Protein backbone atom coordinates (compact mmCIF):
# COMPACT_ATOMS: atom_id res chain seq x y z
CA MET A 1 5.37 6.68 -9.71
CA ASP A 2 8.19 8.72 -8.22
CA ILE A 3 11.43 6.72 -8.40
CA ARG A 4 14.31 7.42 -6.01
CA TYR A 5 17.71 5.89 -6.73
CA SER A 6 20.26 4.93 -4.09
CA ALA A 7 22.41 7.77 -2.74
CA SER A 8 26.03 7.39 -1.64
CA PRO A 9 26.92 8.64 1.84
CA ASN A 10 29.94 10.36 0.32
CA ASP A 11 27.69 12.34 -2.01
CA VAL A 12 25.20 13.21 0.72
CA LYS A 13 27.93 15.02 2.63
CA ARG A 14 27.78 17.71 -0.05
CA TYR A 15 23.99 17.91 -0.49
CA THR A 16 22.18 21.18 -0.03
CA THR A 17 18.97 21.34 2.01
CA GLU A 18 16.94 21.18 -1.21
CA GLU A 19 18.88 18.15 -2.47
CA LEU A 20 18.44 16.30 0.84
CA ARG A 21 14.71 16.87 0.78
CA LYS A 22 14.36 15.86 -2.86
CA GLU A 23 16.31 12.63 -2.30
CA PHE A 24 14.84 11.40 0.99
CA LEU A 25 11.66 13.29 1.95
CA ILE A 26 8.23 12.10 0.81
CA GLU A 27 5.63 14.88 0.85
CA ASN A 28 1.95 15.07 -0.15
CA LEU A 29 1.07 11.42 0.36
CA TYR A 30 -2.66 12.05 0.27
CA VAL A 31 -4.55 13.18 -2.82
CA ALA A 32 -8.30 12.59 -3.01
CA ASP A 33 -9.25 9.36 -4.80
CA SER A 34 -5.67 8.68 -5.88
CA VAL A 35 -2.68 6.52 -5.02
CA VAL A 36 0.63 8.30 -4.41
CA ALA A 37 3.64 5.97 -4.73
CA VAL A 38 7.39 6.41 -4.23
CA TYR A 39 9.70 3.58 -5.33
CA SER A 40 13.06 3.56 -3.55
CA HIS A 41 15.93 1.52 -4.95
CA VAL A 42 17.12 1.14 -1.34
CA ASP A 43 16.01 -2.48 -0.82
CA ARG A 44 13.30 -1.82 -3.46
CA MET A 45 10.82 -0.54 -0.90
CA VAL A 46 7.69 1.28 -2.05
CA THR A 47 5.91 3.89 0.07
CA LEU A 48 2.29 4.67 -0.78
CA GLY A 49 -0.60 6.83 0.37
CA CYS A 50 -4.26 6.54 -0.55
CA MET A 51 -7.18 8.76 0.52
CA PRO A 52 -10.43 7.49 -1.00
CA VAL A 53 -13.13 10.14 -0.79
CA ASN A 54 -15.85 9.79 -3.40
CA GLU A 55 -14.90 6.47 -4.98
CA THR A 56 -13.35 3.09 -4.33
CA VAL A 57 -9.68 3.19 -5.30
CA SER A 58 -7.56 0.28 -6.55
CA ILE A 59 -4.00 -0.06 -5.25
CA ASP A 60 -2.62 0.15 -8.77
CA LYS A 61 -4.54 3.25 -9.82
CA GLY A 62 -2.20 5.41 -11.87
CA ILE A 63 0.66 2.89 -11.59
CA ASP A 64 2.06 1.05 -14.60
CA VAL A 65 2.70 -2.21 -12.77
CA TRP A 66 4.50 -3.95 -15.62
CA ALA A 67 6.77 -0.97 -16.36
CA ASN A 68 7.71 -0.45 -12.71
CA PHE A 69 7.78 -4.00 -11.34
CA GLY A 70 7.77 -6.36 -14.31
CA THR A 71 4.79 -8.20 -12.82
CA HIS A 72 1.17 -8.57 -13.84
CA TYR A 73 -0.27 -7.12 -10.61
CA PHE A 74 1.13 -5.12 -7.72
CA LEU A 75 1.46 -7.85 -5.10
CA GLU A 76 2.46 -10.68 -7.43
CA ARG A 77 5.97 -10.62 -5.93
CA ARG A 78 5.43 -8.26 -3.01
CA GLU A 79 3.94 -8.02 0.49
CA ILE A 80 2.51 -4.85 2.03
CA GLY A 81 1.70 -3.32 5.41
CA ILE A 82 -1.07 -0.71 5.71
CA PHE A 83 -2.02 1.64 8.56
CA ASN A 84 -5.12 3.82 8.62
CA ILE A 85 -4.31 7.26 10.03
CA GLY A 86 -7.61 8.87 9.02
CA GLY A 87 -11.33 8.21 9.36
CA ALA A 88 -12.89 4.77 9.30
CA GLY A 89 -12.55 2.86 6.06
CA SER A 90 -12.28 -0.55 4.47
CA ILE A 91 -9.82 -2.55 2.39
CA THR A 92 -11.15 -5.32 0.17
CA VAL A 93 -8.58 -8.02 -0.64
CA ASP A 94 -9.68 -10.48 -3.32
CA GLY A 95 -13.29 -10.13 -2.17
CA THR A 96 -12.69 -10.20 1.61
CA VAL A 97 -13.52 -6.92 3.35
CA TYR A 98 -11.41 -5.65 6.28
CA GLN A 99 -12.69 -2.68 8.32
CA LEU A 100 -9.94 -0.37 9.59
CA GLY A 101 -10.40 2.28 12.23
CA TYR A 102 -7.84 4.84 13.34
CA LYS A 103 -4.38 3.24 13.83
CA ASP A 104 -5.53 -0.21 12.72
CA CYS A 105 -3.07 -2.17 10.56
CA LEU A 106 -3.54 -4.69 7.77
CA TYR A 107 -0.82 -7.00 6.48
CA ILE A 108 -1.48 -8.35 2.97
CA THR A 109 0.60 -11.27 1.83
CA MET A 110 2.19 -11.83 -1.55
CA GLY A 111 -0.19 -13.01 -4.26
CA ALA A 112 -3.24 -10.87 -3.49
CA LYS A 113 -4.52 -9.72 -6.89
CA GLU A 114 -7.20 -7.13 -6.11
CA VAL A 115 -6.83 -4.55 -3.33
CA LEU A 116 -9.49 -1.84 -3.07
CA PHE A 117 -9.68 1.12 -0.67
CA ALA A 118 -12.84 2.92 0.48
CA SER A 119 -13.89 5.39 3.18
CA ASP A 120 -16.98 5.00 5.34
CA ASP A 121 -17.68 8.76 5.29
CA PRO A 122 -16.35 11.10 2.56
CA ARG A 123 -16.51 13.97 5.05
CA CYS A 124 -13.90 12.17 7.18
CA PRO A 125 -11.96 10.01 4.70
CA ALA A 126 -9.62 7.22 5.58
CA LYS A 127 -5.91 7.81 5.01
CA PHE A 128 -4.11 4.59 4.22
CA TYR A 129 -0.33 4.71 4.71
CA MET A 130 1.49 1.77 3.13
CA VAL A 131 4.96 0.29 2.71
CA SER A 132 5.64 -2.65 0.40
CA ALA A 133 8.68 -4.93 0.20
CA PRO A 134 9.68 -7.68 -2.24
CA ALA A 135 8.60 -11.15 -1.11
CA HIS A 136 9.33 -14.74 -2.08
CA ARG A 137 6.43 -16.65 -0.48
CA SER A 138 2.92 -16.17 0.85
CA TYR A 139 1.87 -16.10 4.49
CA GLU A 140 -1.47 -14.95 5.97
CA THR A 141 -3.29 -11.69 5.32
CA ARG A 142 -4.27 -10.39 8.73
CA LEU A 143 -5.96 -7.40 10.37
CA LEU A 144 -4.17 -6.13 13.45
CA LYS A 145 -5.60 -3.84 16.14
CA LEU A 146 -3.50 -1.83 18.58
CA ALA A 147 -4.27 -4.45 21.24
CA ASP A 148 -2.65 -7.10 19.00
CA ALA A 149 0.68 -5.28 18.83
CA ASN A 150 3.71 -6.34 20.85
CA LYS A 151 4.34 -3.38 23.17
CA ARG A 152 7.78 -2.24 24.32
CA PRO A 153 7.75 0.77 26.67
CA THR A 154 11.10 2.56 26.61
CA GLY A 155 12.81 5.87 27.40
CA GLU A 156 12.44 8.22 30.34
CA MET A 157 10.80 11.58 30.99
CA GLU A 158 14.16 12.83 32.27
CA THR A 159 15.66 12.39 28.80
CA SER A 160 12.51 13.61 26.99
CA ASN A 161 12.02 10.30 25.15
CA LYS A 162 9.43 8.28 27.06
CA ARG A 163 7.55 6.30 24.43
CA THR A 164 5.90 3.01 23.58
CA ILE A 165 7.05 0.97 20.59
CA ASN A 166 4.09 -0.97 19.17
CA GLN A 167 5.33 -3.82 16.97
CA PHE A 168 2.54 -4.80 14.55
CA ILE A 169 4.15 -6.53 11.55
CA HIS A 170 6.87 -8.30 13.49
CA PRO A 171 7.96 -11.92 14.11
CA ALA A 172 6.48 -11.75 17.63
CA VAL A 173 3.04 -11.11 16.11
CA LEU A 174 2.90 -12.73 12.66
CA LYS A 175 5.12 -14.20 9.95
CA THR A 176 6.19 -12.19 6.90
CA CYS A 177 8.95 -12.52 4.33
CA GLN A 178 11.01 -9.46 5.26
CA LEU A 179 8.69 -6.54 6.00
CA SER A 180 8.51 -5.23 9.57
CA MET A 181 6.30 -2.31 10.64
CA GLY A 182 5.23 -0.68 13.85
CA MET A 183 4.10 2.52 15.48
CA THR A 184 5.93 4.47 18.18
CA VAL A 185 3.92 6.84 20.38
CA LEU A 186 5.70 9.56 22.35
CA GLU A 187 4.17 10.73 25.60
CA PRO A 188 3.38 14.42 26.25
CA GLY A 189 6.59 16.20 27.24
CA SER A 190 8.77 13.78 25.26
CA VAL A 191 10.18 14.76 21.88
CA TRP A 192 13.15 12.49 21.07
CA ASN A 193 12.83 9.18 19.28
CA THR A 194 15.40 6.44 18.71
CA MET A 195 18.08 7.79 21.00
CA PRO A 196 20.83 6.77 21.33
CA ALA A 197 21.04 6.81 17.54
CA HIS A 198 22.01 3.76 15.52
CA THR A 199 22.38 2.36 12.06
CA HIS A 200 21.81 -1.18 10.83
CA GLU A 201 23.78 -2.10 7.74
CA ARG A 202 21.52 -5.08 7.20
CA ARG A 203 18.23 -3.17 6.88
CA MET A 204 16.85 0.11 5.61
CA GLU A 205 14.04 2.01 7.29
CA ILE A 206 11.25 4.44 6.44
CA TYR A 207 9.67 6.78 8.99
CA MET A 208 6.29 8.51 8.62
CA TYR A 209 5.54 11.17 11.21
CA PHE A 210 1.93 11.99 12.12
CA GLU A 211 -0.06 13.46 15.00
CA VAL A 212 2.34 16.39 14.66
CA PRO A 213 0.28 19.37 15.88
CA GLU A 214 -0.39 22.33 13.62
CA HIS A 215 2.51 24.81 13.53
CA GLN A 216 4.87 22.17 15.00
CA VAL A 217 7.64 20.22 13.22
CA VAL A 218 9.99 17.28 13.66
CA PHE A 219 13.71 17.65 13.04
CA HIS A 220 14.58 14.28 11.51
CA MET A 221 18.24 13.41 11.96
CA MET A 222 20.00 11.42 9.23
CA GLY A 223 23.43 10.78 7.75
CA GLN A 224 26.46 8.90 9.03
CA GLY A 225 27.18 9.21 12.73
CA GLN A 226 30.14 11.49 12.08
CA GLU A 227 28.37 13.43 9.29
CA THR A 228 24.86 14.09 10.54
CA ARG A 229 22.29 16.12 8.63
CA HIS A 230 18.67 17.01 9.34
CA ILE A 231 15.40 17.36 7.44
CA VAL A 232 12.58 19.46 8.90
CA MET A 233 9.30 17.56 8.55
CA THR A 234 5.65 18.37 9.11
CA ASN A 235 2.57 16.24 9.71
CA GLU A 236 2.03 13.10 7.59
CA GLN A 237 5.35 13.21 5.78
CA ALA A 238 7.69 10.24 5.35
CA VAL A 239 11.45 9.94 5.01
CA ILE A 240 13.69 7.26 3.50
CA SER A 241 16.62 6.08 5.62
CA PRO A 242 19.35 4.01 3.90
CA SER A 243 21.22 1.39 5.91
CA TRP A 244 24.23 3.69 6.40
CA SER A 245 22.18 6.49 7.93
CA ILE A 246 21.04 7.16 11.46
CA HIS A 247 17.29 7.75 11.80
CA SER A 248 16.25 9.76 14.79
CA GLY A 249 14.22 12.86 15.42
CA ALA A 250 13.24 15.57 17.85
CA GLY A 251 9.95 17.42 17.64
CA THR A 252 8.79 20.79 18.86
CA SER A 253 5.97 18.75 20.42
CA ASN A 254 5.29 15.07 21.04
CA TYR A 255 4.10 13.07 18.01
CA THR A 256 3.65 9.55 16.66
CA PHE A 257 5.50 7.80 13.85
CA ILE A 258 5.20 4.61 11.84
CA TRP A 259 8.42 2.78 11.02
CA ALA A 260 8.93 0.20 8.33
CA MET A 261 12.00 -1.96 7.73
CA GLY A 262 13.18 -4.35 5.06
CA GLY A 263 16.48 -6.06 4.34
CA GLU A 264 18.53 -9.05 5.38
CA ASN A 265 16.78 -9.94 8.64
CA GLN A 266 13.89 -9.08 10.96
CA GLU A 267 15.86 -8.86 14.20
CA PHE A 268 14.52 -5.66 15.75
CA ASP A 269 17.52 -5.30 18.10
CA ASP A 270 20.14 -5.83 15.37
CA MET A 271 21.51 -2.28 15.66
CA ASP A 272 24.90 -0.64 15.41
CA ASN A 273 24.56 1.80 18.28
CA ILE A 274 26.41 5.11 18.29
CA PRO A 275 27.13 6.74 21.68
CA THR A 276 25.36 10.09 21.74
CA GLU A 277 28.54 11.93 22.65
CA ASN A 278 30.22 10.57 19.50
CA LEU A 279 27.68 12.11 17.11
CA LYS A 280 28.92 14.98 15.00
């Protein structure tokens, strides 16, 4: 497991491009029949990727659960949200099988002991993108389709940011301890997300960009409002955003991204907005 420790905003001011990418960027999430995991000490969030091809893969494959979490199994004290961004596949949770198509989401509550991933067709494997947060009680494991999401259209074509925010793991849809996740889809001709920019001192956030066309990129904006930096990202890469950092991006094409939040509350609109003209 790759472990990332918390970074001070004062230190980040002096980071090189390589240091920024090493600290915040998550690359190569998908390795055949493996689990890739990145543990961030920012709110103790864990980002994972799993691409089962020729075998059924357990969530803890290659992870020393006791050494990393001090628990006997991965979700003993955690909850997790999972999106499928690949071919059709299934997730088996303590014997119950959930079928996930493209862009389907599964929330698994704290206490699930066995989580297994499989693809329907090895020629078109599923790609399970996951974010896990600490939890203190159990709720309900639930499969969510795009039609189940709470939809919030926002932005305008005139400002190149017309998009739909699909809230999947969100208080308006289901109860969780602290994890919130959703998927924002930009329309053709729109490239900006999350503008005007904001921070939220009470929560951290993780973005995963996908449906980024070949040879196109997303310039992910981060840093304090008066000390902005950027990380150039390609398809199916994720980025860690501490509470003190803005999290916004502009692509050379439209794209889709999955956001995940954890922290003090689940109030989606609890944001410290920064007027665009005040960014530096």
